[in-house]
Amino acid sequence: MLVICILLFTLFMSFGPTKFDRFLLPIFPSVDILAALGLYELAKVISARRGKPVKALALLTLIVQAGFALP
């Protein structure tokens, strides 16, 4: 649903006469959530292969995601 929302919003905003990149700012929280879900799934796959939870990877993922989302 997030991907559809992002794509449709981008598509509809590109039809307008003014095409400034600031009009696409509302999609960035959705993109951040989608990226976090992808990183979470990656951490689950890695921890399943190793047989134990990877807490350091989860912490690193949180730090990287916060670093991109906060500014």
PDB file of N, CA and C in Angstrom:
ATOM      1  N   MET A   1       0.816  -1.185   0.000  1.00  0.00           N
ATOM      2  CA  MET A   1       0.000   0.000   0.000  1.00  0.00           C
ATOM      3  C   MET A   1       0.867   1.259   0.000  1.00  0.00           C
ATOM      4  N   LEU A   2       1.976   1.194   0.729  1.00  0.00           N
ATOM      5  CA  LEU A   2       2.866   2.367   0.753  1.00  0.00           C
ATOM      6  C   LEU A   2       3.469   2.640  -0.613  1.00  0.00           C
ATOM      7  N   VAL A   3       3.850   1.600  -1.309  1.00  0.00           N
ATOM      8  CA  VAL A   3       4.441   1.777  -2.635  1.00  0.00           C
ATOM      9  C   VAL A   3       3.420   2.381  -3.584  1.00  0.00           C
ATOM     10  N   ILE A   4       2.189   1.908  -3.519  1.00  0.00           N
ATOM     11  CA  ILE A   4       1.140   2.451  -4.376  1.00  0.00           C
ATOM     12  C   ILE A   4       0.884   3.919  -4.039  1.00  0.00           C
ATOM     13  N   CYS A   5       0.839   4.236  -2.753  1.00  0.00           N
ATOM     14  CA  CYS A   5       0.637   5.617  -2.321  1.00  0.00           C
ATOM     15  C   CYS A   5       1.762   6.517  -2.835  1.00  0.00           C
ATOM     16  N   ILE A   6       2.992   6.071  -2.704  1.00  0.00           N
ATOM     17  CA  ILE A   6       4.139   6.852  -3.153  1.00  0.00           C
ATOM     18  C   ILE A   6       4.101   7.062  -4.664  1.00  0.00           C
ATOM     19  N   LEU A   7       3.842   5.984  -5.391  1.00  0.00           N
ATOM     20  CA  LEU A   7       3.821   6.091  -6.853  1.00  0.00           C
ATOM     21  C   LEU A   7       2.677   6.962  -7.353  1.00  0.00           C
ATOM     22  N   LEU A   8       1.480   6.794  -6.779  1.00  0.00           N
ATOM     23  CA  LEU A   8       0.345   7.600  -7.221  1.00  0.00           C
ATOM     24  C   LEU A   8       0.522   9.075  -6.875  1.00  0.00           C
ATOM     25  N   PHE A   9       1.025   9.355  -5.689  1.00  0.00           N
ATOM     26  CA  PHE A   9       1.256  10.748  -5.307  1.00  0.00           C
ATOM     27  C   PHE A   9       2.270  11.398  -6.245  1.00  0.00           C
ATOM     28  N   THR A  10       3.356  10.681  -6.532  1.00  0.00           N
ATOM     29  CA  THR A  10       4.367  11.208  -7.445  1.00  0.00           C
ATOM     30  C   THR A  10       3.793  11.405  -8.844  1.00  0.00           C
ATOM     31  N   LEU A  11       2.995  10.454  -9.289  1.00  0.00           N
ATOM     32  CA  LEU A  11       2.382  10.556 -10.616  1.00  0.00           C
ATOM     33  C   LEU A  11       1.444  11.754 -10.707  1.00  0.00           C
ATOM     34  N   PHE A  12       0.563  11.906  -9.707  1.00  0.00           N
ATOM     35  CA  PHE A  12      -0.395  13.006  -9.755  1.00  0.00           C
ATOM     36  C   PHE A  12       0.268  14.369  -9.580  1.00  0.00           C
ATOM     37  N   MET A  13       1.330  14.432  -8.807  1.00  0.00           N
ATOM     38  CA  MET A  13       2.023  15.715  -8.639  1.00  0.00           C
ATOM     39  C   MET A  13       2.821  16.092  -9.882  1.00  0.00           C
ATOM     40  N   SER A  14       3.129  15.129 -10.721  1.00  0.00           N
ATOM     41  CA  SER A  14       3.876  15.446 -11.940  1.00  0.00           C
ATOM     42  C   SER A  14       2.970  16.003 -13.037  1.00  0.00           C
ATOM     43  N   PHE A  15       1.638  15.905 -12.877  1.00  0.00           N
ATOM     44  CA  PHE A  15       0.717  16.446 -13.874  1.00  0.00           C
ATOM     45  C   PHE A  15       0.554  17.962 -13.774  1.00  0.00           C
ATOM     46  N   GLY A  16       0.867  18.535 -12.633  1.00  0.00           N
ATOM     47  CA  GLY A  16       0.656  19.969 -12.428  1.00  0.00           C
ATOM     48  C   GLY A  16       1.592  20.826 -13.255  1.00  0.00           C
ATOM     49  N   PRO A  17       1.242  22.100 -13.411  1.00  0.00           N
ATOM     50  CA  PRO A  17       2.073  22.997 -14.221  1.00  0.00           C
ATOM     51  C   PRO A  17       3.414  23.335 -13.552  1.00  0.00           C
ATOM     52  N   THR A  18       3.458  23.343 -12.227  1.00  0.00           N
ATOM     53  CA  THR A  18       4.719  23.616 -11.532  1.00  0.00           C
ATOM     54  C   THR A  18       5.297  22.294 -11.045  1.00  0.00           C
ATOM     55  N   LYS A  19       6.515  22.038 -11.394  1.00  0.00           N
ATOM     56  CA  LYS A  19       7.153  20.767 -11.040  1.00  0.00           C
ATOM     57  C   LYS A  19       8.375  21.020 -10.147  1.00  0.00           C
ATOM     58  N   PHE A  20       8.116  21.537  -8.967  1.00  0.00           N
ATOM     59  CA  PHE A  20       9.192  21.749  -8.011  1.00  0.00           C
ATOM     60  C   PHE A  20       9.323  20.515  -7.133  1.00  0.00           C
ATOM     61  N   ASP A  21      10.528  20.239  -6.699  1.00  0.00           N
ATOM     62  CA  ASP A  21      10.742  19.040  -5.892  1.00  0.00           C
ATOM     63  C   ASP A  21      10.180  19.180  -4.486  1.00  0.00           C
ATOM     64  N   ARG A  22       9.890  20.387  -4.031  1.00  0.00           N
ATOM     65  CA  ARG A  22       9.346  20.538  -2.679  1.00  0.00           C
ATOM     66  C   ARG A  22       7.930  19.988  -2.565  1.00  0.00           C
ATOM     67  N   PHE A  23       7.234  19.819  -3.692  1.00  0.00           N
ATOM     68  CA  PHE A  23       5.895  19.257  -3.660  1.00  0.00           C
ATOM     69  C   PHE A  23       5.912  17.750  -3.407  1.00  0.00           C
ATOM     70  N   LEU A  24       7.065  17.129  -3.517  1.00  0.00           N
ATOM     71  CA  LEU A  24       7.186  15.699  -3.238  1.00  0.00           C
ATOM     72  C   LEU A  24       7.605  15.409  -1.795  1.00  0.00           C
ATOM     73  N   LEU A  25       7.795  16.440  -0.993  1.00  0.00           N
ATOM     74  CA  LEU A  25       8.214  16.231   0.393  1.00  0.00           C
ATOM     75  C   LEU A  25       7.242  15.400   1.230  1.00  0.00           C
ATOM     76  N   PRO A  26       5.927  15.451   0.996  1.00  0.00           N
ATOM     77  CA  PRO A  26       5.036  14.619   1.824  1.00  0.00           C
ATOM     78  C   PRO A  26       5.234  13.111   1.660  1.00  0.00           C
ATOM     79  N   ILE A  27       5.895  12.653   0.617  1.00  0.00           N
ATOM     80  CA  ILE A  27       6.067  11.204   0.457  1.00  0.00           C
ATOM     81  C   ILE A  27       7.256  10.663   1.240  1.00  0.00           C
ATOM     82  N   PHE A  28       8.133  11.516   1.724  1.00  0.00           N
ATOM     83  CA  PHE A  28       9.337  11.021   2.387  1.00  0.00           C
ATOM     84  C   PHE A  28       9.074  10.258   3.681  1.00  0.00           C
ATOM     85  N   PRO A  29       8.106  10.615   4.512  1.00  0.00           N
ATOM     86  CA  PRO A  29       7.827   9.736   5.666  1.00  0.00           C
ATOM     87  C   PRO A  29       7.394   8.334   5.238  1.00  0.00           C
ATOM     88  N   SER A  30       6.615   8.227   4.176  1.00  0.00           N
ATOM     89  CA  SER A  30       6.218   6.909   3.681  1.00  0.00           C
ATOM     90  C   SER A  30       7.416   6.131   3.154  1.00  0.00           C
ATOM     91  N   VAL A  31       8.317   6.823   2.477  1.00  0.00           N
ATOM     92  CA  VAL A  31       9.529   6.166   1.971  1.00  0.00           C
ATOM     93  C   VAL A  31      10.398   5.702   3.134  1.00  0.00           C
ATOM     94  N   ASP A  32      10.470   6.497   4.195  1.00  0.00           N
ATOM     95  CA  ASP A  32      11.247   6.091   5.372  1.00  0.00           C
ATOM     96  C   ASP A  32      10.648   4.849   6.033  1.00  0.00           C
ATOM     97  N   ILE A  33       9.330   4.799   6.140  1.00  0.00           N
ATOM     98  CA  ILE A  33       8.674   3.627   6.734  1.00  0.00           C
ATOM     99  C   ILE A  33       8.925   2.395   5.870  1.00  0.00           C
ATOM    100  N   LEU A  34       8.830   2.561   4.568  1.00  0.00           N
ATOM    101  CA  LEU A  34       9.077   1.447   3.652  1.00  0.00           C
ATOM    102  C   LEU A  34      10.525   0.964   3.746  1.00  0.00           C
ATOM    103  N   ALA A  35      11.457   1.891   3.870  1.00  0.00           N
ATOM    104  CA  ALA A  35      12.861   1.507   4.020  1.00  0.00           C
ATOM    105  C   ALA A  35      13.095   0.777   5.346  1.00  0.00           C
ATOM    106  N   ALA A  36      12.443   1.233   6.401  1.00  0.00           N
ATOM    107  CA  ALA A  36      12.585   0.568   7.700  1.00  0.00           C
ATOM    108  C   ALA A  36      12.032  -0.848   7.646  1.00  0.00           C
ATOM    109  N   LEU A  37      10.910  -1.032   6.964  1.00  0.00           N
ATOM    110  CA  LEU A  37      10.356  -2.380   6.829  1.00  0.00           C
ATOM    111  C   LEU A  37      11.294  -3.292   6.042  1.00  0.00           C
ATOM    112  N   GLY A  38      11.909  -2.757   5.009  1.00  0.00           N
ATOM    113  CA  GLY A  38      12.866  -3.545   4.232  1.00  0.00           C
ATOM    114  C   GLY A  38      14.083  -3.927   5.049  1.00  0.00           C
ATOM    115  N   LEU A  39      14.586  -2.986   5.832  1.00  0.00           N
ATOM    116  CA  LEU A  39      15.739  -3.285   6.684  1.00  0.00           C
ATOM    117  C   LEU A  39      15.372  -4.291   7.778  1.00  0.00           C
ATOM    118  N   TYR A  40      14.155  -4.204   8.282  1.00  0.00           N
ATOM    119  CA  TYR A  40      13.694  -5.170   9.279  1.00  0.00           C
ATOM    120  C   TYR A  40      13.633  -6.586   8.697  1.00  0.00           C
ATOM    121  N   GLU A  41      13.098  -6.692   7.499  1.00  0.00           N
ATOM    122  CA  GLU A  41      13.031  -8.002   6.848  1.00  0.00           C
ATOM    123  C   GLU A  41      14.433  -8.547   6.564  1.00  0.00           C
ATOM    124  N   LEU A  42      15.344  -7.675   6.174  1.00  0.00           N
ATOM    125  CA  LEU A  42      16.737  -8.091   5.955  1.00  0.00           C
ATOM    126  C   LEU A  42      17.350  -8.616   7.247  1.00  0.00           C
ATOM    127  N   ALA A  43      17.083  -7.934   8.358  1.00  0.00           N
ATOM    128  CA  ALA A  43      17.613  -8.387   9.643  1.00  0.00           C
ATOM    129  C   ALA A  43      17.015  -9.733  10.043  1.00  0.00           C
ATOM    130  N   LYS A  44      15.740  -9.947   9.735  1.00  0.00           N
ATOM    131  CA  LYS A  44      15.123 -11.243  10.035  1.00  0.00           C
ATOM    132  C   LYS A  44      15.758 -12.362   9.222  1.00  0.00           C
ATOM    133  N   VAL A  45      16.042 -12.104   7.951  1.00  0.00           N
ATOM    134  CA  VAL A  45      16.665 -13.125   7.104  1.00  0.00           C
ATOM    135  C   VAL A  45      18.071 -13.444   7.608  1.00  0.00           C
ATOM    136  N   ILE A  46      18.820 -12.426   7.951  1.00  0.00           N
ATOM    137  CA  ILE A  46      20.188 -12.646   8.432  1.00  0.00           C
ATOM    138  C   ILE A  46      20.174 -13.397   9.758  1.00  0.00           C
ATOM    139  N   SER A  47      19.264 -13.030  10.660  1.00  0.00           N
ATOM    140  CA  SER A  47      19.232 -13.717  11.951  1.00  0.00           C
ATOM    141  C   SER A  47      18.739 -15.156  11.798  1.00  0.00           C
ATOM    142  N   ALA A  48      17.876 -15.424  10.816  1.00  0.00           N
ATOM    143  CA  ALA A  48      17.421 -16.799  10.594  1.00  0.00           C
ATOM    144  C   ALA A  48      18.555 -17.666  10.064  1.00  0.00           C
ATOM    145  N   ARG A  49      19.399 -17.098   9.248  1.00  0.00           N
ATOM    146  CA  ARG A  49      20.526 -17.870   8.705  1.00  0.00           C
ATOM    147  C   ARG A  49      21.592 -18.132   9.753  1.00  0.00           C
ATOM    148  N   ARG A  50      21.773 -17.177  10.654  1.00  0.00           N
ATOM    149  CA  ARG A  50      22.805 -17.356  11.673  1.00  0.00           C
ATOM    150  C   ARG A  50      22.294 -18.140  12.870  1.00  0.00           C
ATOM    151  N   GLY A  51      20.982 -18.242  13.032  1.00  0.00           N
ATOM    152  CA  GLY A  51      20.421 -19.017  14.130  1.00  0.00           C
ATOM    153  C   GLY A  51      20.313 -18.271  15.437  1.00  0.00           C
ATOM    154  N   LYS A  52      20.686 -17.012  15.483  1.00  0.00           N
ATOM    155  CA  LYS A  52      20.555 -16.218  16.698  1.00  0.00           C
ATOM    156  C   LYS A  52      20.212 -14.784  16.310  1.00  0.00           C
ATOM    157  N   PRO A  53      19.573 -14.057  17.200  1.00  0.00           N
ATOM    158  CA  PRO A  53      19.220 -12.675  16.874  1.00  0.00           C
ATOM    159  C   PRO A  53      20.463 -11.797  16.721  1.00  0.00           C
ATOM    160  N   VAL A  54      20.387 -10.902  15.808  1.00  0.00           N
ATOM    161  CA  VAL A  54      21.514 -10.015  15.535  1.00  0.00           C
ATOM    162  C   VAL A  54      21.169  -8.637  16.093  1.00  0.00           C
ATOM    163  N   LYS A  55      21.479  -8.413  17.355  1.00  0.00           N
ATOM    164  CA  LYS A  55      21.128  -7.151  18.010  1.00  0.00           C
ATOM    165  C   LYS A  55      21.971  -5.993  17.503  1.00  0.00           C
ATOM    166  N   ALA A  56      23.221  -6.255  17.169  1.00  0.00           N
ATOM    167  CA  ALA A  56      24.087  -5.193  16.666  1.00  0.00           C
ATOM    168  C   ALA A  56      23.588  -4.693  15.313  1.00  0.00           C
ATOM    169  N   LEU A  57      23.105  -5.601  14.479  1.00  0.00           N
ATOM    170  CA  LEU A  57      22.564  -5.205  13.183  1.00  0.00           C
ATOM    171  C   LEU A  57      21.293  -4.380  13.355  1.00  0.00           C
ATOM    172  N   ALA A  58      20.459  -4.758  14.304  1.00  0.00           N
ATOM    173  CA  ALA A  58      19.235  -3.996  14.559  1.00  0.00           C
ATOM    174  C   ALA A  58      19.557  -2.592  15.057  1.00  0.00           C
ATOM    175  N   LEU A  59      20.528  -2.485  15.925  1.00  0.00           N
ATOM    176  CA  LEU A  59      20.932  -1.175  16.429  1.00  0.00           C
ATOM    177  C   LEU A  59      21.542  -0.322  15.321  1.00  0.00           C
ATOM    178  N   LEU A  60      22.375  -0.917  14.494  1.00  0.00           N
ATOM    179  CA  LEU A  60      22.967  -0.197  13.369  1.00  0.00           C
ATOM    180  C   LEU A  60      21.891   0.262  12.392  1.00  0.00           C
ATOM    181  N   THR A  61      20.905  -0.582  12.142  1.00  0.00           N
ATOM    182  CA  THR A  61      19.792  -0.219  11.266  1.00  0.00           C
ATOM    183  C   THR A  61      19.025   0.968  11.830  1.00  0.00           C
ATOM    184  N   LEU A  62      18.764   0.953  13.117  1.00  0.00           N
ATOM    185  CA  LEU A  62      18.056   2.055  13.757  1.00  0.00           C
ATOM    186  C   LEU A  62      18.838   3.353  13.659  1.00  0.00           C
ATOM    187  N   ILE A  63      20.129   3.296  13.884  1.00  0.00           N
ATOM    188  CA  ILE A  63      20.961   4.491  13.816  1.00  0.00           C
ATOM    189  C   ILE A  63      21.021   5.056  12.399  1.00  0.00           C
ATOM    190  N   VAL A  64      21.195   4.183  11.417  1.00  0.00           N
ATOM    191  CA  VAL A  64      21.264   4.637  10.022  1.00  0.00           C
ATOM    192  C   VAL A  64      19.929   5.227   9.589  1.00  0.00           C
ATOM    193  N   GLN A  65      18.835   4.561   9.935  1.00  0.00           N
ATOM    194  CA  GLN A  65      17.509   5.070   9.547  1.00  0.00           C
ATOM    195  C   GLN A  65      17.218   6.400  10.225  1.00  0.00           C
ATOM    196  N   ALA A  66      17.559   6.537  11.485  1.00  0.00           N
ATOM    197  CA  ALA A  66      17.342   7.807  12.178  1.00  0.00           C
ATOM    198  C   ALA A  66      18.224   8.906  11.582  1.00  0.00           C
ATOM    199  N   GLY A  67      19.431   8.549  11.182  1.00  0.00           N
ATOM    200  CA  GLY A  67      20.323   9.529  10.571  1.00  0.00           C
ATOM    201  C   GLY A  67      19.786  10.093   9.267  1.00  0.00           C
ATOM    202  N   PHE A  68      19.083   9.260   8.499  1.00  0.00           N
ATOM    203  CA  PHE A  68      18.499   9.744   7.260  1.00  0.00           C
ATOM    204  C   PHE A  68      17.171  10.459   7.469  1.00  0.00           C
ATOM    205  N   ALA A  69      16.412  10.047   8.490  1.00  0.00           N
ATOM    206  CA  ALA A  69      15.060  10.582   8.685  1.00  0.00           C
ATOM    207  C   ALA A  69      15.046  11.890   9.461  1.00  0.00           C
ATOM    208  N   LEU A  70      15.930  12.062  10.410  1.00  0.00           N
ATOM    209  CA  LEU A  70      15.872  13.242  11.271  1.00  0.00           C
ATOM    210  C   LEU A  70      16.171  14.573  10.578  1.00  0.00           C
ATOM    211  N   PRO A  71      17.165  14.642   9.694  1.00  0.00           N
ATOM    212  CA  PRO A  71      17.402  15.956   9.062  1.00  0.00           C
ATOM    213  C   PRO A  71      16.233  16.381   8.215  1.00  0.00           C
TER     214      PRO A  71
END
